[in-house]
């Protein structure tokens, strides 16, 4: 059996506001049928309304000792990156025994997670980041970034609508017609397209910007007006249709293209990412200062550092009359659907990287090559090394 001799540990998430869990009773049952032993921390599923008894009925062992649970797992499944655990006064990465395996959204290129990555490397932990799964047909069912981006794009617009001090749709009244809110979406991948569709459904007037020709066509098909900005496709488009890291001079030009449209917006949804790397800076402090009082920015890209220079991870605050939202785990706000999708993604990823009870780290496999972060006491993830100002070709 595929997981014979493997113990899979699933802890309760400790990030503030995080309600998801890395497995459901359904996926636990399937893992156990393939030979795995599954241990789950008490209350791990409560944020998604999954009771401990449901996991027990699926065959899992429930543990209330967090430290012991981390020690039990050959493979640790989490939703978000390891964090400092106040209850135990220790970082979760330090709780993982040397030589074990971690699978989660590690976001290793984000400077905020570099120390975590260094701990994992020092402890010889084999770690995989789910935000590095390539957009190829073989990886569709394990592509957690796409499934969670669908949620983030939808909910980002709902957040913006809730923060704005005005209507989103055009509103006829006895006093005249109130014009619709203006929303700009920057980055038209899965999250951006969902943001456009949601803003249009709410009745907003939507503008969109993306450096990729195909993404611009998709934005147009949803009824968005394009912000004029073109770049040679060979510079803009990378593997799988994802955006590539641009030379800084092009980001400067992109900011110049955004600036005149920003001043008229009521809400800006930021989703621009480069897979496995730090998010590009597309709105600086001076640009924010030109925005209308009462407008808002929702920065979905914050998990990888954010597209706005003023976004604070995990915070919402007002800067000179403009609301800036850096909620770091937006999909957790739709925890029931998000947990179901995420657990399915993890199950399919596990089936790819574990064979006959062994974890495979062959980076010639594009899925493993895109997701492997640390192994053999080394950091091997290209985007992380670049973000750490290290040369990935000389490591």
Foldseek 3Di string as FASTA:
>chain_A
DQAAPFEEFWEADDDPLFQFTQAALVLLLVVVVVHYAYEYEAPNNVSLPHHPVSNVVSPHHYDPDVLVRLDPGLEYEGAEAWQQDPVVRGTPLVSHAAPGEYEYQQLLQAPVRVVSLLSCLQSQYWYWHLLQFAQDPLQVLLNLVLVQLLLQLLVLLVVQCVQFPDAQAWDQDPVGIDHHAEEEEEAQDSSSLSNLLNSVVSHHQYEYEAAAPVSVVSSVVSPHHYQDDYDPNVQAADPRRAGADHDVVSLVVQLVSCQVVQQRHQEYEYDHDHRSAAGAANAEPVSVVSHDQRGEYEFQSVSRPTNYPPADACDWDADPRYIYHRNPRSSSVVRNVSNVSSNSSVSSVCSVQTGNSDGDQPLVPVRSVRTTQHHPSDGQHCNNCVSVVHHNVVD
